[in-house]
Each structure stands twice: as structure tokens, then as C-alpha cells.
Amino acid sequence: MIRQFTPCWPDNCLAAVSLTFDDGPPSQLKCAVPILNNADLQATFYLCPRGNDFMEKLMPWRDVAKARHEIGNHTVTHPNSRAFRNDPAIPGLEGMTLADIEKDIVESKCRLQQLVPEQKEMSFCYPCYMEHVGCGPTRQSYVPVVARHHIAGRGKGEFPFPNPPATVDLHYAWSWPAERMSGSQMIGLAEACVAKNCWGIFTFHGINEGRLSVTESDFRDLVNYLTINHARIWTVPVVKVAQRILEWRKENGL
């Protein structure tokens, strides 16, 4: 028999959606943030605080945080697989240990907390969705490392499935890469969340910018849809959904 739970989402909403943005390219500040602010929707922006001058470079993001968007941890160095390049001498996740990745994650979180000290919790984003270090017999997941330092982590899952609140691994929540998606495709994924009472996460990079881009018109279509359907769909940053799921699980003895 399937166990019955109390409704998870607040204000009688039927689903939750989080809009997430990786790497902080210029079009996010120039285009995405103003569109979201005009719609009174808040999102999650994952940043890499690189260099000794990270505070100066990331200063515009302080205003983004003041508008109630989440600033999330994307590591300092954005480590990914050396398989992206045809040179085994180039550093990659395959040559890292759990201690190496933990040092990077902790340092990035510390720097971002200096940038936005008013933000008490933040979620994590796996660079290139990859959650392992090592290679072959030394390969290990670093999801447990993320779990020690963050309330949630955003990865990439099995398309087109959303995240059920009772079973989602909050430290590797599934997301949908939105590059080259049409507005109608994104809206269809959000509607599927409503049908299943689940949490959907969209991953964006550039808006009309870069190889992982979505067009501004398609992005506006999704934002307009979420605004019109605010009574059905709770659209908030990853950290807020994670907090609500933890509360809900406690209420339901999960």
C-alpha cells in the first residue's frame, strides 16, 4: 500500500520549480536577473569565486543577493574531467582526492559567505554535473563531502524526471539542462511537476550567449508562465525548497 503524506508545498501549491544558473556569464546579470526581478521571481546563481580579487569581480552579485536570489557554491576552480581534453597531463577530477575537492568546496563557500554574509545557507552545484574524483579503481563519489557542508547539491538526472520530495537525494538533486530548449518544452516540464506534485530544477548558462544558451524569448515564456501560475507552482531558489523538504519529511516521519 502506498503511504499517504501531507502536502509538501506551501500555500496550496501543487509543485515546486527552481531556476538555476551556472558560472555567472554577463548575460545573467544583464538579462536574466532583470527579467526575474520584474516578475518578482527568485532564482539560484552558482558562482566560482576565483582569484585574490574575487570580491571585486563578484561585487555586482551582492545586489542580486539583496533581491532575494540565492548565491550558491560552484567551487573555486570548477574542476571537471580531463576527458574533455586530449591531454592526460591536464589536471582533472581523475587526479583529485576527496580531500582535494573538499578543500576547494570549503574555500569557495568561505569566499562566497564573505561576499554575501547575510545568506546563512547556500546550496552547491556540481561543475559539469560530475560528482566523482579519481579514476577506475580509485573513483569515488564526493556527494558525501557536499553533504557535510551544504543543505543541498544540484546535479543532473534522468530526463525528463523531476524530484519527488519523499525520495530525492537532496545532495544530488536532478536538474534539466535548458540549453536550446523552447519555451513550450520548459513549460511542459513544469506542468509535469504539477501532475506529479514534484520539484523541477532548470539549469541555465547564458541567455543569448555562449554554446549552452537559451534564447531570451524562450526564457521569458517560461518566466511569464511561472508568474501566471504562481498559485499552482512555488518558484523559489534551491535552498528554500531543500529547507521545506527537510521540514516536510520531519512532519511526516521520513
C-alpha atoms as a PDB file:
ATOM      1  CA  MET A   1       0.000   0.000   0.000  1.00  0.00           C
ATOM      2  CA  ILE A   2       1.327   3.453  -0.946  1.00  0.00           C
ATOM      3  CA  ARG A   3       1.813   5.646   2.081  1.00  0.00           C
ATOM      4  CA  GLN A   4      -0.116   8.927   2.127  1.00  0.00           C
ATOM      5  CA  PHE A   5       1.699  12.134   3.081  1.00  0.00           C
ATOM      6  CA  THR A   6       0.580  15.656   3.885  1.00  0.00           C
ATOM      7  CA  PRO A   7       1.000  18.178   1.029  1.00  0.00           C
ATOM      8  CA  CYS A   8       4.614  19.304   0.755  1.00  0.00           C
ATOM      9  CA  TRP A   9       4.415  22.659  -0.978  1.00  0.00           C
ATOM     10  CA  PRO A  10       3.243  25.818   0.829  1.00  0.00           C
ATOM     11  CA  ASP A  11       0.172  27.951   0.044  1.00  0.00           C
ATOM     12  CA  ASN A  12      -1.641  25.033  -1.600  1.00  0.00           C
ATOM     13  CA  CYS A  13       0.853  24.916  -4.467  1.00  0.00           C
ATOM     14  CA  LEU A  14       0.949  21.684  -6.452  1.00  0.00           C
ATOM     15  CA  ALA A  15       4.640  21.711  -7.408  1.00  0.00           C
ATOM     16  CA  ALA A  16       7.924  23.493  -6.886  1.00  0.00           C
ATOM     17  CA  VAL A  17      10.285  24.847  -9.537  1.00  0.00           C
ATOM     18  CA  SER A  18      13.792  26.236  -9.116  1.00  0.00           C
ATOM     19  CA  LEU A  19      15.577  28.200 -11.819  1.00  0.00           C
ATOM     20  CA  THR A  20      19.344  27.768 -11.501  1.00  0.00           C
ATOM     21  CA  PHE A  21      22.178  29.489 -13.353  1.00  0.00           C
ATOM     22  CA  ASP A  22      25.792  28.340 -13.630  1.00  0.00           C
ATOM     23  CA  ASP A  23      29.109  30.187 -13.973  1.00  0.00           C
ATOM     24  CA  GLY A  24      27.884  33.807 -13.898  1.00  0.00           C
ATOM     25  CA  PRO A  25      28.350  34.894 -17.554  1.00  0.00           C
ATOM     26  CA  PRO A  26      27.477  38.551 -18.342  1.00  0.00           C
ATOM     27  CA  SER A  27      24.046  37.766 -19.795  1.00  0.00           C
ATOM     28  CA  GLN A  28      22.831  36.556 -16.407  1.00  0.00           C
ATOM     29  CA  LEU A  29      23.344  39.987 -14.856  1.00  0.00           C
ATOM     30  CA  LYS A  30      22.336  41.864 -17.985  1.00  0.00           C
ATOM     31  CA  CYS A  31      19.278  39.836 -18.966  1.00  0.00           C
ATOM     32  CA  ALA A  32      18.179  37.052 -16.599  1.00  0.00           C
ATOM     33  CA  VAL A  33      18.283  38.989 -13.321  1.00  0.00           C
ATOM     34  CA  PRO A  34      16.217  41.982 -14.580  1.00  0.00           C
ATOM     35  CA  ILE A  35      13.608  39.655 -16.108  1.00  0.00           C
ATOM     36  CA  LEU A  36      13.313  37.711 -12.851  1.00  0.00           C
ATOM     37  CA  ASN A  37      13.209  40.856 -10.726  1.00  0.00           C
ATOM     38  CA  ASN A  38      10.434  42.350 -12.853  1.00  0.00           C
ATOM     39  CA  ALA A  39       8.460  39.139 -12.377  1.00  0.00           C
ATOM     40  CA  ASP A  40       9.231  39.019  -8.624  1.00  0.00           C
ATOM     41  CA  LEU A  41      10.718  35.536  -9.002  1.00  0.00           C
ATOM     42  CA  GLN A  42      13.870  34.433  -7.203  1.00  0.00           C
ATOM     43  CA  ALA A  43      16.462  32.013  -8.591  1.00  0.00           C
ATOM     44  CA  THR A  44      19.786  30.404  -7.649  1.00  0.00           C
ATOM     45  CA  PHE A  45      23.057  31.624  -9.186  1.00  0.00           C
ATOM     46  CA  TYR A  46      26.089  29.349  -8.807  1.00  0.00           C
ATOM     47  CA  LEU A  47      29.394  31.241  -8.822  1.00  0.00           C
ATOM     48  CA  CYS A  48      33.104  30.386  -8.765  1.00  0.00           C
ATOM     49  CA  PRO A  49      34.951  32.963  -6.598  1.00  0.00           C
ATOM     50  CA  ARG A  50      38.283  32.715  -8.423  1.00  0.00           C
ATOM     51  CA  GLY A  51      41.416  34.754  -7.725  1.00  0.00           C
ATOM     52  CA  ASN A  52      42.555  37.075  -4.983  1.00  0.00           C
ATOM     53  CA  ASP A  53      40.293  39.784  -6.413  1.00  0.00           C
ATOM     54  CA  PHE A  54      37.132  37.663  -6.262  1.00  0.00           C
ATOM     55  CA  MET A  55      35.316  40.225  -4.084  1.00  0.00           C
ATOM     56  CA  GLU A  56      35.850  42.970  -6.635  1.00  0.00           C
ATOM     57  CA  LYS A  57      34.888  40.774  -9.592  1.00  0.00           C
ATOM     58  CA  LEU A  58      31.748  39.430  -7.901  1.00  0.00           C
ATOM     59  CA  MET A  59      30.578  42.698  -6.307  1.00  0.00           C
ATOM     60  CA  PRO A  60      27.603  43.088  -8.737  1.00  0.00           C
ATOM     61  CA  TRP A  61      26.224  39.857  -7.328  1.00  0.00           C
ATOM     62  CA  ARG A  62      25.702  41.476  -3.933  1.00  0.00           C
ATOM     63  CA  ASP A  63      22.746  43.359  -5.400  1.00  0.00           C
ATOM     64  CA  VAL A  64      21.457  40.073  -6.803  1.00  0.00           C
ATOM     65  CA  ALA A  65      21.519  38.579  -3.307  1.00  0.00           C
ATOM     66  CA  LYS A  66      19.762  41.676  -1.929  1.00  0.00           C
ATOM     67  CA  ALA A  67      16.944  40.972  -4.402  1.00  0.00           C
ATOM     68  CA  ARG A  68      16.472  37.642  -2.544  1.00  0.00           C
ATOM     69  CA  HIS A  69      18.154  35.415  -5.110  1.00  0.00           C
ATOM     70  CA  GLU A  70      20.379  32.653  -3.767  1.00  0.00           C
ATOM     71  CA  ILE A  71      24.122  32.789  -4.388  1.00  0.00           C
ATOM     72  CA  GLY A  72      25.338  29.184  -4.488  1.00  0.00           C
ATOM     73  CA  ASN A  73      28.689  27.389  -4.389  1.00  0.00           C
ATOM     74  CA  HIS A  74      30.176  26.210  -7.702  1.00  0.00           C
ATOM     75  CA  THR A  75      33.711  25.610  -6.307  1.00  0.00           C
ATOM     76  CA  VAL A  76      36.696  27.925  -6.768  1.00  0.00           C
ATOM     77  CA  THR A  77      38.413  26.091  -9.627  1.00  0.00           C
ATOM     78  CA  HIS A  78      35.452  24.431 -11.418  1.00  0.00           C
ATOM     79  CA  PRO A  79      37.177  21.001 -11.613  1.00  0.00           C
ATOM     80  CA  ASN A  80      35.898  18.635 -14.285  1.00  0.00           C
ATOM     81  CA  SER A  81      37.022  15.550 -16.186  1.00  0.00           C
ATOM     82  CA  ARG A  82      40.264  15.536 -18.147  1.00  0.00           C
ATOM     83  CA  ALA A  83      38.277  13.539 -20.741  1.00  0.00           C
ATOM     84  CA  PHE A  84      37.103  16.896 -22.118  1.00  0.00           C
ATOM     85  CA  ARG A  85      40.661  17.367 -23.425  1.00  0.00           C
ATOM     86  CA  ASN A  86      43.086  15.094 -25.260  1.00  0.00           C
ATOM     87  CA  ASP A  87      45.982  15.630 -22.846  1.00  0.00           C
ATOM     88  CA  PRO A  88      46.417  13.366 -19.791  1.00  0.00           C
ATOM     89  CA  ALA A  89      48.794  15.900 -18.239  1.00  0.00           C
ATOM     90  CA  ILE A  90      45.997  18.447 -17.783  1.00  0.00           C
ATOM     91  CA  PRO A  91      44.603  18.330 -14.218  1.00  0.00           C
ATOM     92  CA  GLY A  92      41.113  16.924 -13.793  1.00  0.00           C
ATOM     93  CA  LEU A  93      38.816  15.172 -11.365  1.00  0.00           C
ATOM     94  CA  GLU A  94      40.571  11.904 -12.147  1.00  0.00           C
ATOM     95  CA  GLY A  95      43.707  13.136 -10.378  1.00  0.00           C
ATOM     96  CA  MET A  96      41.944  14.586  -7.350  1.00  0.00           C
ATOM     97  CA  THR A  97      41.208  13.059  -3.941  1.00  0.00           C
ATOM     98  CA  LEU A  98      38.252  13.616  -1.649  1.00  0.00           C
ATOM     99  CA  ALA A  99      40.500  15.845   0.452  1.00  0.00           C
ATOM    100  CA  ASP A 100      41.347  17.932  -2.628  1.00  0.00           C
ATOM    101  CA  ILE A 101      37.722  18.505  -3.614  1.00  0.00           C
ATOM    102  CA  GLU A 102      36.687  19.206  -0.026  1.00  0.00           C
ATOM    103  CA  LYS A 103      39.365  21.894   0.269  1.00  0.00           C
ATOM    104  CA  ASP A 104      38.056  23.553  -2.903  1.00  0.00           C
ATOM    105  CA  ILE A 105      34.411  23.370  -1.779  1.00  0.00           C
ATOM    106  CA  VAL A 106      35.138  24.754   1.688  1.00  0.00           C
ATOM    107  CA  GLU A 107      37.281  27.591   0.345  1.00  0.00           C
ATOM    108  CA  SER A 108      34.630  28.564  -2.185  1.00  0.00           C
ATOM    109  CA  LYS A 109      31.899  28.549   0.450  1.00  0.00           C
ATOM    110  CA  CYS A 110      34.043  30.690   2.759  1.00  0.00           C
ATOM    111  CA  ARG A 111      34.660  33.235  -0.010  1.00  0.00           C
ATOM    112  CA  LEU A 112      31.005  33.403  -1.008  1.00  0.00           C
ATOM    113  CA  GLN A 113      29.990  33.905   2.613  1.00  0.00           C
ATOM    114  CA  GLN A 114      32.323  36.899   2.660  1.00  0.00           C
ATOM    115  CA  LEU A 115      30.549  38.192  -0.435  1.00  0.00           C
ATOM    116  CA  VAL A 116      27.017  37.648   0.937  1.00  0.00           C
ATOM    117  CA  PRO A 117      27.363  37.333   4.734  1.00  0.00           C
ATOM    118  CA  GLU A 118      23.620  37.809   5.203  1.00  0.00           C
ATOM    119  CA  GLN A 119      22.976  34.487   3.447  1.00  0.00           C
ATOM    120  CA  LYS A 120      23.213  31.859   6.182  1.00  0.00           C
ATOM    121  CA  GLU A 121      22.822  28.758   3.986  1.00  0.00           C
ATOM    122  CA  MET A 122      23.596  28.006   0.361  1.00  0.00           C
ATOM    123  CA  SER A 123      23.319  25.038  -1.963  1.00  0.00           C
ATOM    124  CA  PHE A 124      26.076  23.502  -4.080  1.00  0.00           C
ATOM    125  CA  CYS A 125      26.325  22.910  -7.821  1.00  0.00           C
ATOM    126  CA  TYR A 126      28.477  20.109  -9.281  1.00  0.00           C
ATOM    127  CA  PRO A 127      30.697  21.510 -12.073  1.00  0.00           C
ATOM    128  CA  CYS A 128      29.636  19.861 -15.339  1.00  0.00           C
ATOM    129  CA  TYR A 129      27.252  17.745 -13.187  1.00  0.00           C
ATOM    130  CA  MET A 130      30.176  15.454 -12.216  1.00  0.00           C
ATOM    131  CA  GLU A 131      30.161  14.070  -8.678  1.00  0.00           C
ATOM    132  CA  HIS A 132      33.285  11.901  -8.580  1.00  0.00           C
ATOM    133  CA  VAL A 133      37.030  12.114  -8.095  1.00  0.00           C
ATOM    134  CA  GLY A 134      39.638   9.543  -9.062  1.00  0.00           C
ATOM    135  CA  CYS A 135      39.619   7.086 -11.949  1.00  0.00           C
ATOM    136  CA  GLY A 136      38.782   3.394 -12.274  1.00  0.00           C
ATOM    137  CA  PRO A 137      39.636   1.590  -9.007  1.00  0.00           C
ATOM    138  CA  THR A 138      40.217   4.909  -7.196  1.00  0.00           C
ATOM    139  CA  ARG A 139      36.987   6.570  -8.374  1.00  0.00           C
ATOM    140  CA  GLN A 140      34.785   7.850  -5.518  1.00  0.00           C
ATOM    141  CA  SER A 141      31.667   9.947  -5.252  1.00  0.00           C
ATOM    142  CA  TYR A 142      32.106  13.267  -3.474  1.00  0.00           C
ATOM    143  CA  VAL A 143      28.383  13.633  -2.746  1.00  0.00           C
ATOM    144  CA  PRO A 144      29.111  12.827   0.944  1.00  0.00           C
ATOM    145  CA  VAL A 145      31.586  15.733   1.001  1.00  0.00           C
ATOM    146  CA  VAL A 146      28.910  18.094  -0.299  1.00  0.00           C
ATOM    147  CA  ALA A 147      26.501  16.733   2.317  1.00  0.00           C
ATOM    148  CA  ARG A 148      28.894  17.743   5.095  1.00  0.00           C
ATOM    149  CA  HIS A 149      28.955  21.375   4.016  1.00  0.00           C
ATOM    150  CA  HIS A 150      25.707  22.166   2.188  1.00  0.00           C
ATOM    151  CA  ILE A 151      21.996  21.674   2.663  1.00  0.00           C
ATOM    152  CA  ALA A 152      21.624  20.538  -0.956  1.00  0.00           C
ATOM    153  CA  GLY A 153      23.552  19.876  -4.157  1.00  0.00           C
ATOM    154  CA  ARG A 154      22.308  20.215  -7.726  1.00  0.00           C
ATOM    155  CA  GLY A 155      23.379  17.711 -10.346  1.00  0.00           C
ATOM    156  CA  LYS A 156      21.824  16.248 -13.491  1.00  0.00           C
ATOM    157  CA  GLY A 157      19.382  13.366 -13.573  1.00  0.00           C
ATOM    158  CA  GLU A 158      17.399  11.135 -15.875  1.00  0.00           C
ATOM    159  CA  PHE A 159      15.450  13.244 -18.350  1.00  0.00           C
ATOM    160  CA  PRO A 160      12.557  14.107 -18.070  1.00  0.00           C
ATOM    161  CA  PHE A 161      12.027  13.027 -14.464  1.00  0.00           C
ATOM    162  CA  PRO A 162      11.552  15.630 -11.693  1.00  0.00           C
ATOM    163  CA  ASN A 163      12.395  15.251  -7.991  1.00  0.00           C
ATOM    164  CA  PRO A 164       9.783  13.628  -5.705  1.00  0.00           C
ATOM    165  CA  PRO A 165      10.070  15.274  -2.279  1.00  0.00           C
ATOM    166  CA  ALA A 166       9.889  11.947  -0.427  1.00  0.00           C
ATOM    167  CA  THR A 167      12.771  10.326  -2.293  1.00  0.00           C
ATOM    168  CA  VAL A 168      15.030  12.996  -3.826  1.00  0.00           C
ATOM    169  CA  ASP A 169      18.674  12.858  -2.718  1.00  0.00           C
ATOM    170  CA  LEU A 170      18.934  16.486  -1.650  1.00  0.00           C
ATOM    171  CA  HIS A 171      22.700  16.374  -2.087  1.00  0.00           C
ATOM    172  CA  TYR A 172      22.429  15.321  -5.714  1.00  0.00           C
ATOM    173  CA  ALA A 173      19.091  16.676  -6.861  1.00  0.00           C
ATOM    174  CA  TRP A 174      18.254  16.129 -10.525  1.00  0.00           C
ATOM    175  CA  SER A 175      18.001  19.007 -12.976  1.00  0.00           C
ATOM    176  CA  TRP A 176      17.158  19.648 -16.614  1.00  0.00           C
ATOM    177  CA  PRO A 177      19.811  21.366 -18.764  1.00  0.00           C
ATOM    178  CA  ALA A 178      17.774  24.030 -20.550  1.00  0.00           C
ATOM    179  CA  GLU A 179      20.171  24.961 -23.360  1.00  0.00           C
ATOM    180  CA  ARG A 180      18.424  25.172 -26.728  1.00  0.00           C
ATOM    181  CA  MET A 181      15.069  24.315 -25.148  1.00  0.00           C
ATOM    182  CA  SER A 182      11.995  26.129 -26.391  1.00  0.00           C
ATOM    183  CA  GLY A 183       9.681  27.925 -24.017  1.00  0.00           C
ATOM    184  CA  SER A 184       6.968  25.337 -24.685  1.00  0.00           C
ATOM    185  CA  GLN A 185       9.346  22.480 -23.798  1.00  0.00           C
ATOM    186  CA  MET A 186      10.230  24.107 -20.480  1.00  0.00           C
ATOM    187  CA  ILE A 187       6.600  24.830 -19.714  1.00  0.00           C
ATOM    188  CA  GLY A 188       5.741  21.199 -20.451  1.00  0.00           C
ATOM    189  CA  LEU A 189       8.355  20.029 -17.937  1.00  0.00           C
ATOM    190  CA  ALA A 190       6.938  22.391 -15.305  1.00  0.00           C
ATOM    191  CA  GLU A 191       3.424  21.091 -15.971  1.00  0.00           C
ATOM    192  CA  ALA A 192       4.675  17.540 -15.457  1.00  0.00           C
ATOM    193  CA  CYS A 193       5.814  18.615 -11.984  1.00  0.00           C
ATOM    194  CA  VAL A 194       2.281  19.787 -11.230  1.00  0.00           C
ATOM    195  CA  ALA A 195       0.846  16.454 -12.339  1.00  0.00           C
ATOM    196  CA  LYS A 196       3.236  14.583 -10.035  1.00  0.00           C
ATOM    197  CA  ASN A 197       3.438  17.116  -7.147  1.00  0.00           C
ATOM    198  CA  CYS A 198       7.201  17.149  -7.655  1.00  0.00           C
ATOM    199  CA  TRP A 199      10.132  19.583  -7.751  1.00  0.00           C
ATOM    200  CA  GLY A 200      11.635  20.550 -11.076  1.00  0.00           C
ATOM    201  CA  ILE A 201      15.019  22.244 -11.458  1.00  0.00           C
ATOM    202  CA  PHE A 202      16.105  24.011 -14.638  1.00  0.00           C
ATOM    203  CA  THR A 203      19.811  24.599 -15.345  1.00  0.00           C
ATOM    204  CA  PHE A 204      20.701  27.681 -17.408  1.00  0.00           C
ATOM    205  CA  HIS A 205      24.005  29.153 -18.509  1.00  0.00           C
ATOM    206  CA  GLY A 206      23.831  32.069 -20.937  1.00  0.00           C
ATOM    207  CA  ILE A 207      20.801  33.940 -22.227  1.00  0.00           C
ATOM    208  CA  ASN A 208      21.512  34.531 -25.930  1.00  0.00           C
ATOM    209  CA  GLU A 209      25.169  33.917 -25.026  1.00  0.00           C
ATOM    210  CA  GLY A 210      27.565  31.013 -25.457  1.00  0.00           C
ATOM    211  CA  ARG A 211      27.195  27.430 -26.614  1.00  0.00           C
ATOM    212  CA  LEU A 212      24.900  26.455 -23.720  1.00  0.00           C
ATOM    213  CA  SER A 213      22.415  29.209 -24.409  1.00  0.00           C
ATOM    214  CA  VAL A 214      18.667  29.629 -24.267  1.00  0.00           C
ATOM    215  CA  THR A 215      17.017  32.454 -26.168  1.00  0.00           C
ATOM    216  CA  GLU A 216      15.675  35.438 -24.274  1.00  0.00           C
ATOM    217  CA  SER A 217      12.224  34.948 -25.774  1.00  0.00           C
ATOM    218  CA  ASP A 218      12.068  31.303 -24.644  1.00  0.00           C
ATOM    219  CA  PHE A 219      13.298  32.259 -21.183  1.00  0.00           C
ATOM    220  CA  ARG A 220      10.637  34.988 -20.988  1.00  0.00           C
ATOM    221  CA  ASP A 221       7.984  32.442 -21.979  1.00  0.00           C
ATOM    222  CA  LEU A 222       8.914  30.266 -19.005  1.00  0.00           C
ATOM    223  CA  VAL A 223       9.091  33.204 -16.583  1.00  0.00           C
ATOM    224  CA  ASN A 224       5.710  34.525 -17.765  1.00  0.00           C
ATOM    225  CA  TYR A 225       4.182  31.078 -17.349  1.00  0.00           C
ATOM    226  CA  LEU A 226       5.567  30.722 -13.815  1.00  0.00           C
ATOM    227  CA  THR A 227       4.316  34.196 -12.918  1.00  0.00           C
ATOM    228  CA  ILE A 228       0.801  33.498 -14.165  1.00  0.00           C
ATOM    229  CA  ASN A 229       0.792  30.120 -12.400  1.00  0.00           C
ATOM    230  CA  HIS A 230       2.241  31.300  -9.073  1.00  0.00           C
ATOM    231  CA  ALA A 231      -0.805  29.929  -7.221  1.00  0.00           C
ATOM    232  CA  ARG A 232      -0.038  26.424  -8.550  1.00  0.00           C
ATOM    233  CA  ILE A 233       3.761  26.414  -8.745  1.00  0.00           C
ATOM    234  CA  TRP A 234       6.078  27.545  -5.950  1.00  0.00           C
ATOM    235  CA  THR A 235       9.040  29.092  -7.768  1.00  0.00           C
ATOM    236  CA  VAL A 236      11.917  29.677  -5.349  1.00  0.00           C
ATOM    237  CA  PRO A 237      15.682  29.060  -5.033  1.00  0.00           C
ATOM    238  CA  VAL A 238      17.095  25.598  -4.398  1.00  0.00           C
ATOM    239  CA  VAL A 239      17.988  26.367  -0.783  1.00  0.00           C
ATOM    240  CA  LYS A 240      14.369  27.245   0.077  1.00  0.00           C
ATOM    241  CA  VAL A 241      12.976  24.083  -1.482  1.00  0.00           C
ATOM    242  CA  ALA A 242      15.557  21.975   0.347  1.00  0.00           C
ATOM    243  CA  GLN A 243      14.642  23.624   3.650  1.00  0.00           C
ATOM    244  CA  ARG A 244      10.939  22.964   3.025  1.00  0.00           C
ATOM    245  CA  ILE A 245      11.522  19.317   2.064  1.00  0.00           C
ATOM    246  CA  LEU A 246      13.508  18.707   5.256  1.00  0.00           C
ATOM    247  CA  GLU A 247      10.721  20.255   7.336  1.00  0.00           C
ATOM    248  CA  TRP A 248       8.079  18.237   5.478  1.00  0.00           C
ATOM    249  CA  ARG A 249       9.982  14.979   5.916  1.00  0.00           C
ATOM    250  CA  LYS A 250      10.208  15.618   9.631  1.00  0.00           C
ATOM    251  CA  GLU A 251       6.476  16.342   9.793  1.00  0.00           C
ATOM    252  CA  ASN A 252       5.764  13.045   8.032  1.00  0.00           C
ATOM    253  CA  GLY A 253       8.280  10.936   9.927  1.00  0.00           C
ATOM    254  CA  LEU A 254      10.562  10.368   6.930  1.00  0.00           C
END
